[in-house]
Amino acid sequence: METNVPTRQEALDLLKEYNTEESLIKHALAVEGVMRYFAEKYGEDVEKWGIIGLIHDLDYQQYPHQHCTKTAEILTSRNWPEDYIRAVVSHGWGICSDVEPKETMEKVLYAIDELTGLVTTTALVRPSRSVMDLNAKSVKKKWKDKSFAAKVDRQVIQNGADMLGMELSELFTETIEGMRRVAEQIGLK
């Protein structure tokens, strides 16, 4: 069987086939934006990283208790490249997957998935409701308040930063930068 390297439009159509909740689609777009930003920063394949970010939570709305597993099945049935599937599954490492992030792309996805949620929530409580004037210091302040965005797994973010050899403040800054590029699409301009 021939491998199908998906286009962004194919990935977006697939995402929308399995997800109707606006918040999940905005999250996928935020993660895509940050993945593209990091790919550019590291001199990697921007399109590939973006597509992986876009579909990372493909199964979450319909199959929350089979998260990552169902995505692997769906992508395999559509002949997606093995490295795309592995990257997506690795973002759930230690939570719903035993696939450890090894490649830089996988480590970035693992680190920023939860973080985009914290950045979004932090932006939404600001008067501007925007990432355009948000900085790492504001996110760090909310990070310390465990009752704020309580569902965000801070340990996953910390583990991801450690994997990447980055300080939290640097990861926060870079993630905000990536989200600024898609601020209008995700409603945080």
C-alpha atoms as a PDB file:
ATOM      1  CA  MET A   1       0.000   0.000   0.000  1.00  0.00           C
ATOM      2  CA  GLU A   2       1.267   3.416  -0.906  1.00  0.00           C
ATOM      3  CA  THR A   3       1.825   6.001   1.807  1.00  0.00           C
ATOM      4  CA  ASN A   4      -0.376   9.079   1.555  1.00  0.00           C
ATOM      5  CA  VAL A   5       1.430  12.285   2.541  1.00  0.00           C
ATOM      6  CA  PRO A   6      -1.531  14.502   3.413  1.00  0.00           C
ATOM      7  CA  THR A   7      -2.001  18.119   2.435  1.00  0.00           C
ATOM      8  CA  ARG A   8      -3.006  20.676   5.037  1.00  0.00           C
ATOM      9  CA  GLN A   9      -6.496  20.825   3.506  1.00  0.00           C
ATOM     10  CA  GLU A  10      -6.868  17.044   3.773  1.00  0.00           C
ATOM     11  CA  ALA A  11      -5.763  17.213   7.418  1.00  0.00           C
ATOM     12  CA  LEU A  12      -8.188  20.062   8.155  1.00  0.00           C
ATOM     13  CA  ASP A  13     -11.058  18.216   6.451  1.00  0.00           C
ATOM     14  CA  LEU A  14     -10.245  15.100   8.480  1.00  0.00           C
ATOM     15  CA  LEU A  15     -10.100  17.123  11.698  1.00  0.00           C
ATOM     16  CA  LYS A  16     -13.527  18.592  10.970  1.00  0.00           C
ATOM     17  CA  GLU A  17     -14.907  15.160  10.065  1.00  0.00           C
ATOM     18  CA  TYR A  18     -14.196  13.989  13.623  1.00  0.00           C
ATOM     19  CA  ASN A  19     -14.551  17.293  15.522  1.00  0.00           C
ATOM     20  CA  THR A  20     -17.373  19.824  15.586  1.00  0.00           C
ATOM     21  CA  GLU A  21     -16.618  21.657  18.836  1.00  0.00           C
ATOM     22  CA  GLU A  22     -15.220  25.109  18.090  1.00  0.00           C
ATOM     23  CA  SER A  23     -12.887  24.992  21.109  1.00  0.00           C
ATOM     24  CA  LEU A  24     -11.246  21.772  19.880  1.00  0.00           C
ATOM     25  CA  ILE A  25     -10.787  23.164  16.381  1.00  0.00           C
ATOM     26  CA  LYS A  26      -9.279  26.380  17.765  1.00  0.00           C
ATOM     27  CA  HIS A  27      -6.962  24.310  19.955  1.00  0.00           C
ATOM     28  CA  ALA A  28      -5.856  22.308  16.903  1.00  0.00           C
ATOM     29  CA  LEU A  29      -5.202  25.546  14.988  1.00  0.00           C
ATOM     30  CA  ALA A  30      -3.232  26.960  17.923  1.00  0.00           C
ATOM     31  CA  VAL A  31      -1.071  23.834  18.165  1.00  0.00           C
ATOM     32  CA  GLU A  32      -0.601  23.864  14.388  1.00  0.00           C
ATOM     33  CA  GLY A  33       0.560  27.493  14.535  1.00  0.00           C
ATOM     34  CA  VAL A  34       3.049  26.790  17.295  1.00  0.00           C
ATOM     35  CA  MET A  35       4.341  23.657  15.552  1.00  0.00           C
ATOM     36  CA  ARG A  36       4.889  25.643  12.347  1.00  0.00           C
ATOM     37  CA  TYR A  37       6.703  28.335  14.329  1.00  0.00           C
ATOM     38  CA  PHE A  38       9.026  25.802  15.978  1.00  0.00           C
ATOM     39  CA  ALA A  39       9.655  23.978  12.674  1.00  0.00           C
ATOM     40  CA  GLU A  40      10.769  27.265  11.168  1.00  0.00           C
ATOM     41  CA  LYS A  41      12.961  27.995  14.204  1.00  0.00           C
ATOM     42  CA  TYR A  42      14.637  24.576  13.952  1.00  0.00           C
ATOM     43  CA  GLY A  43      14.906  24.588  10.137  1.00  0.00           C
ATOM     44  CA  GLU A  44      12.524  21.640   9.795  1.00  0.00           C
ATOM     45  CA  ASP A  45       9.605  20.798   7.474  1.00  0.00           C
ATOM     46  CA  VAL A  46       7.047  23.474   8.382  1.00  0.00           C
ATOM     47  CA  GLU A  47       4.198  21.817   6.479  1.00  0.00           C
ATOM     48  CA  LYS A  48       4.752  18.411   8.074  1.00  0.00           C
ATOM     49  CA  TRP A  49       5.030  19.810  11.596  1.00  0.00           C
ATOM     50  CA  GLY A  50       1.931  21.953  11.053  1.00  0.00           C
ATOM     51  CA  ILE A  51      -0.174  19.049   9.803  1.00  0.00           C
ATOM     52  CA  ILE A  52       0.862  16.916  12.773  1.00  0.00           C
ATOM     53  CA  GLY A  53      -0.076  19.753  15.135  1.00  0.00           C
ATOM     54  CA  LEU A  54      -3.406  20.196  13.376  1.00  0.00           C
ATOM     55  CA  ILE A  55      -4.524  16.575  13.723  1.00  0.00           C
ATOM     56  CA  HIS A  56      -2.896  15.669  17.053  1.00  0.00           C
ATOM     57  CA  ASP A  57      -6.258  15.511  18.890  1.00  0.00           C
ATOM     58  CA  LEU A  58      -8.214  14.041  15.961  1.00  0.00           C
ATOM     59  CA  ASP A  59     -10.003  11.433  18.083  1.00  0.00           C
ATOM     60  CA  TYR A  60     -10.503  13.476  21.248  1.00  0.00           C
ATOM     61  CA  GLN A  61     -14.126  14.575  20.760  1.00  0.00           C
ATOM     62  CA  GLN A  62     -15.539  11.232  19.650  1.00  0.00           C
ATOM     63  CA  TYR A  63     -13.201   8.831  21.472  1.00  0.00           C
ATOM     64  CA  PRO A  64     -11.848  10.580  24.589  1.00  0.00           C
ATOM     65  CA  HIS A  65     -11.224   7.257  26.359  1.00  0.00           C
ATOM     66  CA  GLN A  66      -9.297   5.908  23.353  1.00  0.00           C
ATOM     67  CA  HIS A  67      -7.317   9.113  22.772  1.00  0.00           C
ATOM     68  CA  CYS A  68      -4.252   8.605  20.559  1.00  0.00           C
ATOM     69  CA  THR A  69      -5.169   4.936  19.952  1.00  0.00           C
ATOM     70  CA  LYS A  70      -8.142   5.809  17.762  1.00  0.00           C
ATOM     71  CA  THR A  71      -6.146   8.477  15.899  1.00  0.00           C
ATOM     72  CA  ALA A  72      -3.483   5.888  15.099  1.00  0.00           C
ATOM     73  CA  GLU A  73      -6.186   3.564  13.708  1.00  0.00           C
ATOM     74  CA  ILE A  74      -7.790   6.327  11.623  1.00  0.00           C
ATOM     75  CA  LEU A  75      -4.490   7.569  10.179  1.00  0.00           C
ATOM     76  CA  THR A  76      -3.222   4.036   9.512  1.00  0.00           C
ATOM     77  CA  SER A  77      -6.422   3.206   7.624  1.00  0.00           C
ATOM     78  CA  ARG A  78      -5.793   6.261   5.450  1.00  0.00           C
ATOM     79  CA  ASN A  79      -2.171   5.274   4.783  1.00  0.00           C
ATOM     80  CA  TRP A  80      -0.623   8.253   6.532  1.00  0.00           C
ATOM     81  CA  PRO A  81       3.178   8.113   6.956  1.00  0.00           C
ATOM     82  CA  GLU A  82       4.360   6.143   9.983  1.00  0.00           C
ATOM     83  CA  ASP A  83       6.386   9.079  11.372  1.00  0.00           C
ATOM     84  CA  TYR A  84       3.283  11.324  11.323  1.00  0.00           C
ATOM     85  CA  ILE A  85       1.320   8.678  13.241  1.00  0.00           C
ATOM     86  CA  ARG A  86       4.124   8.092  15.738  1.00  0.00           C
ATOM     87  CA  ALA A  87       4.466  11.828  16.401  1.00  0.00           C
ATOM     88  CA  VAL A  88       0.748  12.205  17.056  1.00  0.00           C
ATOM     89  CA  VAL A  89       0.613   9.181  19.372  1.00  0.00           C
ATOM     90  CA  SER A  90       3.714  10.312  21.283  1.00  0.00           C
ATOM     91  CA  HIS A  91       2.019  13.504  22.470  1.00  0.00           C
ATOM     92  CA  GLY A  92      -0.016  11.343  24.853  1.00  0.00           C
ATOM     93  CA  TRP A  93       3.062   9.715  26.403  1.00  0.00           C
ATOM     94  CA  GLY A  94       2.520   8.757  30.028  1.00  0.00           C
ATOM     95  CA  ILE A  95      -1.151   9.741  29.854  1.00  0.00           C
ATOM     96  CA  CYS A  96      -2.790   7.604  27.172  1.00  0.00           C
ATOM     97  CA  SER A  97       0.189   6.303  25.209  1.00  0.00           C
ATOM     98  CA  ASP A  98       3.414   4.464  25.909  1.00  0.00           C
ATOM     99  CA  VAL A  99       5.150   5.965  22.848  1.00  0.00           C
ATOM    100  CA  GLU A 100       7.867   8.247  24.203  1.00  0.00           C
ATOM    101  CA  PRO A 101       8.669  11.419  22.249  1.00  0.00           C
ATOM    102  CA  LYS A 102      12.136  10.936  20.720  1.00  0.00           C
ATOM    103  CA  GLU A 103      12.366  13.248  17.695  1.00  0.00           C
ATOM    104  CA  THR A 104      12.492  17.029  18.207  1.00  0.00           C
ATOM    105  CA  MET A 105       9.108  17.357  16.476  1.00  0.00           C
ATOM    106  CA  GLU A 106       7.574  14.883  18.940  1.00  0.00           C
ATOM    107  CA  LYS A 107       9.110  16.634  21.933  1.00  0.00           C
ATOM    108  CA  VAL A 108       7.794  20.011  20.793  1.00  0.00           C
ATOM    109  CA  LEU A 109       4.268  18.634  20.307  1.00  0.00           C
ATOM    110  CA  TYR A 110       4.396  16.978  23.723  1.00  0.00           C
ATOM    111  CA  ALA A 111       5.601  20.203  25.378  1.00  0.00           C
ATOM    112  CA  ILE A 112       3.243  22.689  23.742  1.00  0.00           C
ATOM    113  CA  ASP A 113      -0.048  20.770  23.584  1.00  0.00           C
ATOM    114  CA  GLU A 114      -1.043  21.496  27.187  1.00  0.00           C
ATOM    115  CA  LEU A 115       0.790  24.824  27.159  1.00  0.00           C
ATOM    116  CA  THR A 116      -1.358  26.279  24.359  1.00  0.00           C
ATOM    117  CA  GLY A 117      -4.333  25.687  26.666  1.00  0.00           C
ATOM    118  CA  LEU A 118      -2.676  27.585  29.509  1.00  0.00           C
ATOM    119  CA  VAL A 119      -1.675  30.437  27.180  1.00  0.00           C
ATOM    120  CA  THR A 120      -5.213  30.626  25.762  1.00  0.00           C
ATOM    121  CA  THR A 121      -6.804  30.694  29.214  1.00  0.00           C
ATOM    122  CA  THR A 122      -4.326  33.312  30.418  1.00  0.00           C
ATOM    123  CA  ALA A 123      -5.048  35.507  27.384  1.00  0.00           C
ATOM    124  CA  LEU A 124      -8.810  35.220  27.877  1.00  0.00           C
ATOM    125  CA  VAL A 125      -8.718  36.642  31.427  1.00  0.00           C
ATOM    126  CA  ARG A 126      -6.791  39.722  30.307  1.00  0.00           C
ATOM    127  CA  PRO A 127      -8.610  42.953  29.394  1.00  0.00           C
ATOM    128  CA  SER A 128      -7.391  42.648  25.787  1.00  0.00           C
ATOM    129  CA  ARG A 129      -8.389  38.937  25.510  1.00  0.00           C
ATOM    130  CA  SER A 130      -5.406  38.656  23.181  1.00  0.00           C
ATOM    131  CA  VAL A 131      -2.041  36.924  22.831  1.00  0.00           C
ATOM    132  CA  MET A 132      -0.680  39.973  21.026  1.00  0.00           C
ATOM    133  CA  ASP A 133       0.212  41.752  24.284  1.00  0.00           C
ATOM    134  CA  LEU A 134       0.727  38.623  26.395  1.00  0.00           C
ATOM    135  CA  ASN A 135       4.158  37.791  27.789  1.00  0.00           C
ATOM    136  CA  ALA A 136       5.809  34.837  29.494  1.00  0.00           C
ATOM    137  CA  LYS A 137       5.720  36.600  32.875  1.00  0.00           C
ATOM    138  CA  SER A 138       1.900  36.661  32.835  1.00  0.00           C
ATOM    139  CA  VAL A 139       1.740  32.977  31.901  1.00  0.00           C
ATOM    140  CA  LYS A 140       4.283  32.112  34.619  1.00  0.00           C
ATOM    141  CA  LYS A 141       2.140  33.921  37.198  1.00  0.00           C
ATOM    142  CA  LYS A 142      -0.921  31.851  36.179  1.00  0.00           C
ATOM    143  CA  TRP A 143       1.254  28.703  36.046  1.00  0.00           C
ATOM    144  CA  LYS A 144       1.919  29.072  39.772  1.00  0.00           C
ATOM    145  CA  ASP A 145      -1.803  29.324  40.585  1.00  0.00           C
ATOM    146  CA  LYS A 146      -2.776  25.631  40.504  1.00  0.00           C
ATOM    147  CA  SER A 147      -6.492  26.458  40.673  1.00  0.00           C
ATOM    148  CA  PHE A 148      -6.204  28.495  37.443  1.00  0.00           C
ATOM    149  CA  ALA A 149      -6.734  26.297  34.369  1.00  0.00           C
ATOM    150  CA  ALA A 150      -6.640  23.360  36.785  1.00  0.00           C
ATOM    151  CA  LYS A 151      -7.055  20.787  33.999  1.00  0.00           C
ATOM    152  CA  VAL A 152      -3.772  21.848  32.376  1.00  0.00           C
ATOM    153  CA  ASP A 153      -1.169  19.238  33.282  1.00  0.00           C
ATOM    154  CA  ARG A 154       1.742  21.404  34.347  1.00  0.00           C
ATOM    155  CA  GLN A 155       3.998  18.379  34.863  1.00  0.00           C
ATOM    156  CA  VAL A 156       3.635  17.431  31.177  1.00  0.00           C
ATOM    157  CA  ILE A 157       4.670  20.966  30.198  1.00  0.00           C
ATOM    158  CA  GLN A 158       7.641  20.839  32.576  1.00  0.00           C
ATOM    159  CA  ASN A 159       8.661  17.411  31.258  1.00  0.00           C
ATOM    160  CA  GLY A 160       8.416  18.714  27.691  1.00  0.00           C
ATOM    161  CA  ALA A 161      10.544  21.750  28.480  1.00  0.00           C
ATOM    162  CA  ASP A 162      13.114  19.455  30.086  1.00  0.00           C
ATOM    163  CA  MET A 163      13.124  17.175  27.021  1.00  0.00           C
ATOM    164  CA  LEU A 164      13.799  20.190  24.821  1.00  0.00           C
ATOM    165  CA  GLY A 165      16.451  21.583  27.177  1.00  0.00           C
ATOM    166  CA  MET A 166      14.462  24.813  27.530  1.00  0.00           C
ATOM    167  CA  GLU A 167      13.631  26.961  30.516  1.00  0.00           C
ATOM    168  CA  LEU A 168       9.884  27.343  31.071  1.00  0.00           C
ATOM    169  CA  SER A 169       9.991  31.073  30.370  1.00  0.00           C
ATOM    170  CA  GLU A 170      11.649  30.431  26.999  1.00  0.00           C
ATOM    171  CA  LEU A 171       9.065  27.759  26.116  1.00  0.00           C
ATOM    172  CA  PHE A 172       6.279  30.159  27.162  1.00  0.00           C
ATOM    173  CA  THR A 173       7.719  32.974  25.022  1.00  0.00           C
ATOM    174  CA  GLU A 174       8.165  30.767  21.945  1.00  0.00           C
ATOM    175  CA  THR A 175       4.677  29.280  22.307  1.00  0.00           C
ATOM    176  CA  ILE A 176       3.129  32.749  22.590  1.00  0.00           C
ATOM    177  CA  GLU A 177       5.036  33.810  19.454  1.00  0.00           C
ATOM    178  CA  GLY A 178       3.684  30.821  17.551  1.00  0.00           C
ATOM    179  CA  MET A 179       0.145  31.548  18.713  1.00  0.00           C
ATOM    180  CA  ARG A 180       0.434  35.194  17.663  1.00  0.00           C
ATOM    181  CA  ARG A 181       0.820  34.017  14.071  1.00  0.00           C
ATOM    182  CA  VAL A 182      -2.628  32.421  14.193  1.00  0.00           C
ATOM    183  CA  ALA A 183      -4.216  34.807  16.704  1.00  0.00           C
ATOM    184  CA  GLU A 184      -7.035  35.806  14.382  1.00  0.00           C
ATOM    185  CA  GLN A 185      -7.930  32.186  13.524  1.00  0.00           C
ATOM    186  CA  ILE A 186      -8.063  31.190  17.188  1.00  0.00           C
ATOM    187  CA  GLY A 187      -9.953  34.275  18.369  1.00  0.00           C
ATOM    188  CA  LEU A 188      -7.088  35.775  20.371  1.00  0.00           C
ATOM    189  CA  LYS A 189      -6.124  38.777  18.224  1.00  0.00           C
END
